[in-house]
Amino acid sequence: MVSCHSLIMSEIPQAFPKLRWAFIEASAQWVPWIVHEARGRYQSQGREFPEHVFQEYRIYVTRQTDDDLPYVTKYAGDENIVIGTDYGHFDPSTEVDAITVFRNEGALDASVVEKVLWANPARLYALEQRS
């Protein structure tokens, strides 16, 4: 969280306009706090806060199946969320069926679910889109 906040507060995203940033294995519930905190600091410095900071600064965050994704997307948008499963780790955050759980959750429109599962990771990792 602190690294993401520091990144947003810095000029690094503007200095490296093609670089993408990913905060992985940390859930996504912290995103609203970061946006509130950074927006307040920008305003106190007389700076204009980007309307879609995660999209504009190319910051991606993994979500876990227990995140309140409709709430998180109000702050991060739906273009920069990817799914995290912790597959391969055997700890409480492991969700082997994360993709099935996410698809069956019903909290978001199907087009947003597909973005999180396919389009967003493809953009993050610069993968070629295949039809």
N, C-alpha and C. Protein backbone atom coordinates (compact mmCIF):
# COMPACT_ATOMS: atom_id res chain seq x y z
N MET A 1 0.82 -1.19 0.00
CA MET A 1 0.00 0.00 0.00
C MET A 1 0.86 1.25 0.00
N VAL A 2 1.85 1.25 0.85
CA VAL A 2 2.70 2.44 0.97
C VAL A 2 3.47 2.67 -0.34
N SER A 3 3.91 1.60 -0.97
CA SER A 3 4.63 1.74 -2.25
C SER A 3 3.71 2.32 -3.32
N CYS A 4 2.47 1.86 -3.36
CA CYS A 4 1.52 2.39 -4.33
C CYS A 4 1.25 3.86 -4.06
N HIS A 5 1.06 4.20 -2.81
CA HIS A 5 0.83 5.60 -2.43
C HIS A 5 2.03 6.45 -2.83
N SER A 6 3.22 5.98 -2.55
CA SER A 6 4.44 6.73 -2.92
C SER A 6 4.53 6.91 -4.43
N LEU A 7 4.19 5.87 -5.17
CA LEU A 7 4.21 5.95 -6.62
C LEU A 7 3.23 7.01 -7.12
N ILE A 8 2.02 7.00 -6.61
CA ILE A 8 1.01 7.97 -7.02
C ILE A 8 1.45 9.39 -6.68
N MET A 9 2.10 9.56 -5.54
CA MET A 9 2.52 10.90 -5.12
C MET A 9 3.76 11.39 -5.88
N SER A 10 4.47 10.50 -6.53
CA SER A 10 5.70 10.87 -7.21
C SER A 10 5.43 11.28 -8.67
N GLU A 11 6.49 11.64 -9.35
CA GLU A 11 6.41 11.95 -10.77
C GLU A 11 6.92 10.80 -11.63
N ILE A 12 7.15 9.66 -11.01
CA ILE A 12 7.69 8.50 -11.73
C ILE A 12 6.76 8.02 -12.84
N PRO A 13 5.43 7.92 -12.62
CA PRO A 13 4.57 7.47 -13.73
C PRO A 13 4.66 8.37 -14.96
N GLN A 14 4.84 9.67 -14.76
CA GLN A 14 4.96 10.58 -15.88
C GLN A 14 6.34 10.45 -16.54
N ALA A 15 7.37 10.16 -15.75
CA ALA A 15 8.72 10.03 -16.28
C ALA A 15 8.90 8.76 -17.11
N PHE A 16 8.09 7.74 -16.81
CA PHE A 16 8.16 6.46 -17.52
C PHE A 16 6.76 6.12 -18.05
N PRO A 17 6.33 6.80 -19.11
CA PRO A 17 4.94 6.69 -19.57
C PRO A 17 4.51 5.34 -20.14
N LYS A 18 5.43 4.43 -20.38
CA LYS A 18 5.05 3.12 -20.89
C LYS A 18 5.17 2.03 -19.84
N LEU A 19 5.70 2.36 -18.68
CA LEU A 19 5.91 1.38 -17.63
C LEU A 19 4.59 1.09 -16.90
N ARG A 20 4.34 -0.20 -16.67
CA ARG A 20 3.15 -0.62 -15.93
C ARG A 20 3.59 -1.10 -14.55
N TRP A 21 2.74 -0.89 -13.57
CA TRP A 21 3.03 -1.24 -12.19
C TRP A 21 1.98 -2.22 -11.71
N ALA A 22 2.39 -3.22 -10.94
CA ALA A 22 1.43 -4.20 -10.44
C ALA A 22 1.66 -4.44 -8.96
N PHE A 23 0.60 -4.39 -8.20
CA PHE A 23 0.63 -4.68 -6.77
C PHE A 23 -0.14 -5.97 -6.59
N ILE A 24 0.61 -7.02 -6.36
CA ILE A 24 0.09 -8.38 -6.39
C ILE A 24 0.22 -9.03 -5.02
N GLU A 25 -0.72 -9.93 -4.71
CA GLU A 25 -0.75 -10.66 -3.45
C GLU A 25 -1.01 -9.77 -2.24
N ALA A 26 -1.82 -8.75 -2.45
CA ALA A 26 -2.15 -7.87 -1.33
C ALA A 26 -3.63 -7.52 -1.30
N SER A 27 -4.46 -8.31 -2.00
CA SER A 27 -5.87 -8.02 -2.06
C SER A 27 -6.08 -6.67 -2.74
N ALA A 28 -7.27 -6.10 -2.64
CA ALA A 28 -7.53 -4.79 -3.27
C ALA A 28 -8.33 -3.86 -2.36
N GLN A 29 -8.65 -4.31 -1.16
CA GLN A 29 -9.47 -3.51 -0.26
C GLN A 29 -8.82 -2.20 0.16
N TRP A 30 -7.53 -2.09 0.02
CA TRP A 30 -6.80 -0.89 0.42
C TRP A 30 -6.90 0.24 -0.61
N VAL A 31 -7.33 -0.06 -1.82
CA VAL A 31 -7.37 0.92 -2.91
C VAL A 31 -8.18 2.17 -2.54
N PRO A 32 -9.40 2.06 -2.01
CA PRO A 32 -10.14 3.29 -1.68
C PRO A 32 -9.39 4.20 -0.71
N TRP A 33 -8.74 3.61 0.29
CA TRP A 33 -7.99 4.43 1.25
C TRP A 33 -6.86 5.17 0.54
N ILE A 34 -6.13 4.49 -0.34
CA ILE A 34 -5.02 5.11 -1.07
C ILE A 34 -5.52 6.28 -1.90
N VAL A 35 -6.63 6.10 -2.60
CA VAL A 35 -7.17 7.18 -3.43
C VAL A 35 -7.58 8.37 -2.57
N HIS A 36 -8.28 8.13 -1.47
CA HIS A 36 -8.66 9.23 -0.57
C HIS A 36 -7.44 9.96 -0.04
N GLU A 37 -6.48 9.20 0.43
CA GLU A 37 -5.27 9.78 1.02
C GLU A 37 -4.48 10.58 -0.01
N ALA A 38 -4.26 10.00 -1.19
CA ALA A 38 -3.47 10.69 -2.22
C ALA A 38 -4.21 11.92 -2.74
N ARG A 39 -5.51 11.81 -2.93
CA ARG A 39 -6.30 12.95 -3.41
C ARG A 39 -6.17 14.12 -2.42
N GLY A 40 -6.29 13.83 -1.14
CA GLY A 40 -6.15 14.89 -0.14
C GLY A 40 -4.78 15.54 -0.15
N ARG A 41 -3.75 14.75 -0.32
CA ARG A 41 -2.38 15.29 -0.37
C ARG A 41 -2.16 16.11 -1.64
N TYR A 42 -2.68 15.64 -2.75
CA TYR A 42 -2.58 16.42 -3.99
C TYR A 42 -3.22 17.78 -3.79
N GLN A 43 -4.43 17.78 -3.25
CA GLN A 43 -5.16 19.03 -3.05
C GLN A 43 -4.43 19.97 -2.11
N SER A 44 -3.84 19.43 -1.04
CA SER A 44 -3.11 20.28 -0.09
C SER A 44 -1.84 20.86 -0.72
N GLN A 45 -1.35 20.23 -1.78
CA GLN A 45 -0.18 20.72 -2.50
C GLN A 45 -0.56 21.57 -3.70
N GLY A 46 -1.86 21.78 -3.90
CA GLY A 46 -2.32 22.56 -5.03
C GLY A 46 -2.19 21.84 -6.37
N ARG A 47 -2.12 20.53 -6.33
CA ARG A 47 -1.99 19.71 -7.54
C ARG A 47 -3.34 19.14 -7.92
N GLU A 48 -3.53 18.90 -9.20
CA GLU A 48 -4.77 18.30 -9.67
C GLU A 48 -4.62 16.78 -9.65
N PHE A 49 -5.52 16.12 -8.95
CA PHE A 49 -5.48 14.66 -8.84
C PHE A 49 -6.09 14.05 -10.10
N PRO A 50 -5.41 13.07 -10.71
CA PRO A 50 -5.96 12.43 -11.91
C PRO A 50 -7.32 11.79 -11.63
N GLU A 51 -8.25 11.99 -12.54
CA GLU A 51 -9.61 11.46 -12.34
C GLU A 51 -9.61 9.94 -12.23
N HIS A 52 -8.81 9.28 -13.05
CA HIS A 52 -8.71 7.82 -13.04
C HIS A 52 -7.25 7.46 -12.81
N VAL A 53 -6.78 7.69 -11.60
CA VAL A 53 -5.35 7.59 -11.31
C VAL A 53 -4.76 6.22 -11.61
N PHE A 54 -5.46 5.15 -11.32
CA PHE A 54 -4.91 3.83 -11.58
C PHE A 54 -4.77 3.59 -13.08
N GLN A 55 -5.73 4.02 -13.85
CA GLN A 55 -5.65 3.86 -15.30
C GLN A 55 -4.59 4.79 -15.88
N GLU A 56 -4.61 6.06 -15.49
CA GLU A 56 -3.67 7.03 -16.04
C GLU A 56 -2.22 6.72 -15.69
N TYR A 57 -2.01 6.15 -14.49
CA TYR A 57 -0.64 5.83 -14.07
C TYR A 57 -0.29 4.37 -14.32
N ARG A 58 -1.19 3.62 -14.98
CA ARG A 58 -0.94 2.23 -15.36
C ARG A 58 -0.63 1.35 -14.15
N ILE A 59 -1.42 1.52 -13.10
CA ILE A 59 -1.25 0.76 -11.86
C ILE A 59 -2.31 -0.34 -11.82
N TYR A 60 -1.85 -1.57 -11.65
CA TYR A 60 -2.73 -2.73 -11.60
C TYR A 60 -2.70 -3.32 -10.19
N VAL A 61 -3.84 -3.85 -9.77
CA VAL A 61 -3.98 -4.43 -8.44
C VAL A 61 -4.70 -5.76 -8.57
N THR A 62 -4.23 -6.75 -7.82
CA THR A 62 -4.94 -8.03 -7.83
C THR A 62 -6.06 -8.01 -6.80
N ARG A 63 -7.14 -8.61 -7.18
CA ARG A 63 -8.26 -8.76 -6.26
C ARG A 63 -8.31 -10.21 -5.82
N GLN A 64 -8.86 -10.43 -4.64
CA GLN A 64 -9.10 -11.77 -4.15
C GLN A 64 -10.60 -11.97 -4.08
N THR A 65 -11.03 -13.19 -3.95
CA THR A 65 -12.46 -13.48 -4.01
C THR A 65 -13.25 -12.88 -2.86
N ASP A 66 -12.60 -12.51 -1.78
CA ASP A 66 -13.35 -11.92 -0.67
C ASP A 66 -13.31 -10.39 -0.68
N ASP A 67 -12.75 -9.77 -1.73
CA ASP A 67 -12.77 -8.30 -1.85
C ASP A 67 -14.16 -7.83 -2.25
N ASP A 68 -14.51 -6.64 -1.81
CA ASP A 68 -15.76 -6.00 -2.23
C ASP A 68 -15.45 -5.25 -3.53
N LEU A 69 -15.45 -5.98 -4.63
CA LEU A 69 -15.00 -5.42 -5.90
C LEU A 69 -15.88 -4.28 -6.41
N PRO A 70 -17.20 -4.29 -6.25
CA PRO A 70 -17.97 -3.12 -6.68
C PRO A 70 -17.51 -1.85 -5.96
N TYR A 71 -17.18 -1.95 -4.69
CA TYR A 71 -16.68 -0.80 -3.94
C TYR A 71 -15.29 -0.39 -4.43
N VAL A 72 -14.41 -1.36 -4.63
CA VAL A 72 -13.04 -1.08 -5.07
C VAL A 72 -13.03 -0.42 -6.44
N THR A 73 -13.88 -0.90 -7.37
CA THR A 73 -13.89 -0.33 -8.71
C THR A 73 -14.39 1.11 -8.75
N LYS A 74 -15.10 1.54 -7.72
CA LYS A 74 -15.48 2.96 -7.65
C LYS A 74 -14.24 3.85 -7.55
N TYR A 75 -13.16 3.30 -7.05
CA TYR A 75 -11.93 4.06 -6.84
C TYR A 75 -10.84 3.71 -7.85
N ALA A 76 -10.75 2.46 -8.24
CA ALA A 76 -9.70 2.02 -9.15
C ALA A 76 -10.19 1.91 -10.59
N GLY A 77 -11.50 1.93 -10.79
CA GLY A 77 -12.03 1.64 -12.10
C GLY A 77 -12.00 0.15 -12.37
N ASP A 78 -12.43 -0.25 -13.54
CA ASP A 78 -12.43 -1.68 -13.86
C ASP A 78 -11.37 -2.05 -14.89
N GLU A 79 -10.53 -1.10 -15.26
CA GLU A 79 -9.49 -1.34 -16.26
C GLU A 79 -8.19 -1.86 -15.67
N ASN A 80 -8.02 -1.77 -14.36
CA ASN A 80 -6.73 -2.07 -13.75
C ASN A 80 -6.80 -3.08 -12.62
N ILE A 81 -7.84 -3.87 -12.61
CA ILE A 81 -7.98 -4.93 -11.62
C ILE A 81 -7.73 -6.26 -12.33
N VAL A 82 -6.92 -7.09 -11.71
CA VAL A 82 -6.68 -8.45 -12.20
C VAL A 82 -6.98 -9.40 -11.06
N ILE A 83 -7.11 -10.67 -11.36
CA ILE A 83 -7.46 -11.62 -10.31
C ILE A 83 -6.21 -12.27 -9.74
N GLY A 84 -6.22 -12.48 -8.44
CA GLY A 84 -5.13 -13.18 -7.77
C GLY A 84 -5.66 -14.44 -7.12
N THR A 85 -4.94 -15.53 -7.24
CA THR A 85 -5.40 -16.79 -6.68
C THR A 85 -4.48 -17.33 -5.61
N ASP A 86 -3.21 -16.92 -5.62
CA ASP A 86 -2.18 -17.49 -4.75
C ASP A 86 -2.04 -18.98 -5.01
N TYR A 87 -2.42 -19.40 -6.21
CA TYR A 87 -2.33 -20.81 -6.57
C TYR A 87 -0.88 -21.28 -6.40
N GLY A 88 -0.73 -22.39 -5.76
CA GLY A 88 0.60 -22.92 -5.51
C GLY A 88 1.06 -22.68 -4.08
N HIS A 89 0.44 -21.74 -3.41
CA HIS A 89 0.72 -21.51 -1.99
C HIS A 89 -0.38 -22.22 -1.22
N PHE A 90 -0.04 -22.78 -0.13
CA PHE A 90 -1.07 -23.42 0.68
C PHE A 90 -1.23 -22.64 1.96
N ASP A 91 -1.93 -21.52 1.84
CA ASP A 91 -2.20 -20.66 2.98
C ASP A 91 -3.64 -20.16 2.88
N PRO A 92 -4.12 -19.35 3.82
CA PRO A 92 -5.52 -18.93 3.81
C PRO A 92 -5.95 -18.16 2.56
N SER A 93 -5.01 -17.51 1.84
CA SER A 93 -5.43 -16.74 0.67
C SER A 93 -5.50 -17.58 -0.60
N THR A 94 -5.14 -18.84 -0.53
CA THR A 94 -5.21 -19.71 -1.70
C THR A 94 -6.67 -19.94 -2.08
N GLU A 95 -6.96 -19.73 -3.34
CA GLU A 95 -8.32 -19.96 -3.86
C GLU A 95 -8.16 -20.63 -5.21
N VAL A 96 -8.05 -21.94 -5.19
CA VAL A 96 -7.82 -22.71 -6.41
C VAL A 96 -8.93 -22.48 -7.43
N ASP A 97 -10.16 -22.30 -6.96
CA ASP A 97 -11.30 -22.08 -7.85
C ASP A 97 -11.67 -20.60 -7.98
N ALA A 98 -10.69 -19.72 -7.86
CA ALA A 98 -10.96 -18.27 -7.86
C ALA A 98 -11.70 -17.81 -9.11
N ILE A 99 -11.33 -18.31 -10.25
CA ILE A 99 -11.97 -17.87 -11.49
C ILE A 99 -13.43 -18.29 -11.50
N THR A 100 -13.73 -19.51 -11.12
CA THR A 100 -15.12 -19.99 -11.06
C THR A 100 -15.90 -19.20 -10.02
N VAL A 101 -15.31 -18.98 -8.86
CA VAL A 101 -15.97 -18.21 -7.80
C VAL A 101 -16.30 -16.81 -8.30
N PHE A 102 -15.32 -16.17 -8.93
CA PHE A 102 -15.51 -14.81 -9.45
C PHE A 102 -16.60 -14.76 -10.50
N ARG A 103 -16.59 -15.68 -11.42
CA ARG A 103 -17.62 -15.69 -12.48
C ARG A 103 -19.01 -15.91 -11.91
N ASN A 104 -19.13 -16.67 -10.84
CA ASN A 104 -20.44 -16.98 -10.26
C ASN A 104 -20.88 -15.99 -9.19
N GLU A 105 -20.02 -15.07 -8.84
CA GLU A 105 -20.28 -14.10 -7.77
C GLU A 105 -21.52 -13.25 -8.05
N GLY A 106 -21.65 -12.77 -9.28
CA GLY A 106 -22.81 -11.97 -9.67
C GLY A 106 -22.79 -10.53 -9.20
N ALA A 107 -21.69 -10.06 -8.63
CA ALA A 107 -21.62 -8.69 -8.11
C ALA A 107 -21.34 -7.66 -9.20
N LEU A 108 -20.78 -8.10 -10.32
CA LEU A 108 -20.41 -7.19 -11.39
C LEU A 108 -20.98 -7.66 -12.72
N ASP A 109 -21.11 -6.73 -13.63
CA ASP A 109 -21.54 -7.04 -14.98
C ASP A 109 -20.57 -8.03 -15.62
N ALA A 110 -21.06 -8.91 -16.46
CA ALA A 110 -20.23 -9.92 -17.11
C ALA A 110 -19.08 -9.30 -17.91
N SER A 111 -19.30 -8.12 -18.49
CA SER A 111 -18.22 -7.47 -19.25
C SER A 111 -17.06 -7.06 -18.34
N VAL A 112 -17.35 -6.67 -17.12
CA VAL A 112 -16.30 -6.31 -16.16
C VAL A 112 -15.55 -7.57 -15.72
N VAL A 113 -16.27 -8.65 -15.50
CA VAL A 113 -15.65 -9.92 -15.13
C VAL A 113 -14.66 -10.34 -16.22
N GLU A 114 -15.05 -10.23 -17.47
CA GLU A 114 -14.15 -10.60 -18.57
C GLU A 114 -12.94 -9.68 -18.64
N LYS A 115 -13.12 -8.40 -18.34
CA LYS A 115 -11.96 -7.48 -18.30
C LYS A 115 -10.96 -7.95 -17.24
N VAL A 116 -11.47 -8.26 -16.05
CA VAL A 116 -10.60 -8.66 -14.95
C VAL A 116 -9.88 -9.97 -15.28
N LEU A 117 -10.57 -10.87 -15.95
CA LEU A 117 -9.98 -12.18 -16.26
C LEU A 117 -9.08 -12.17 -17.49
N TRP A 118 -9.38 -11.33 -18.49
CA TRP A 118 -8.66 -11.43 -19.76
C TRP A 118 -8.02 -10.12 -20.22
N ALA A 119 -8.81 -9.10 -20.45
CA ALA A 119 -8.28 -7.88 -21.06
C ALA A 119 -7.27 -7.17 -20.17
N ASN A 120 -7.57 -7.05 -18.89
CA ASN A 120 -6.66 -6.34 -17.99
C ASN A 120 -5.32 -7.08 -17.83
N PRO A 121 -5.32 -8.40 -17.58
CA PRO A 121 -4.02 -9.09 -17.50
C PRO A 121 -3.25 -9.02 -18.82
N ALA A 122 -3.95 -9.10 -19.94
CA ALA A 122 -3.27 -9.02 -21.23
C ALA A 122 -2.58 -7.67 -21.39
N ARG A 123 -3.24 -6.60 -20.96
CA ARG A 123 -2.64 -5.26 -21.02
C ARG A 123 -1.48 -5.14 -20.04
N LEU A 124 -1.67 -5.63 -18.81
CA LEU A 124 -0.62 -5.57 -17.80
C LEU A 124 0.63 -6.27 -18.28
N TYR A 125 0.51 -7.47 -18.78
CA TYR A 125 1.66 -8.27 -19.17
C TYR A 125 2.02 -8.13 -20.65
N ALA A 126 1.38 -7.18 -21.35
CA ALA A 126 1.66 -6.91 -22.77
C ALA A 126 1.55 -8.19 -23.60
N LEU A 127 0.47 -8.92 -23.38
CA LEU A 127 0.24 -10.16 -24.11
C LEU A 127 -0.57 -9.87 -25.37
N GLU A 128 -0.30 -10.59 -26.39
CA GLU A 128 -1.02 -10.43 -27.64
C GLU A 128 -2.43 -10.96 -27.46
N GLN A 129 -3.41 -10.20 -27.91
CA GLN A 129 -4.81 -10.65 -27.87
C GLN A 129 -5.04 -11.67 -28.97
N ARG A 130 -5.63 -12.77 -28.64
CA ARG A 130 -5.94 -13.81 -29.63
C ARG A 130 -7.45 -13.97 -29.73
N SER A 131 -7.90 -14.26 -30.91
CA SER A 131 -9.35 -14.42 -31.08
C SER A 131 -9.74 -15.87 -31.06
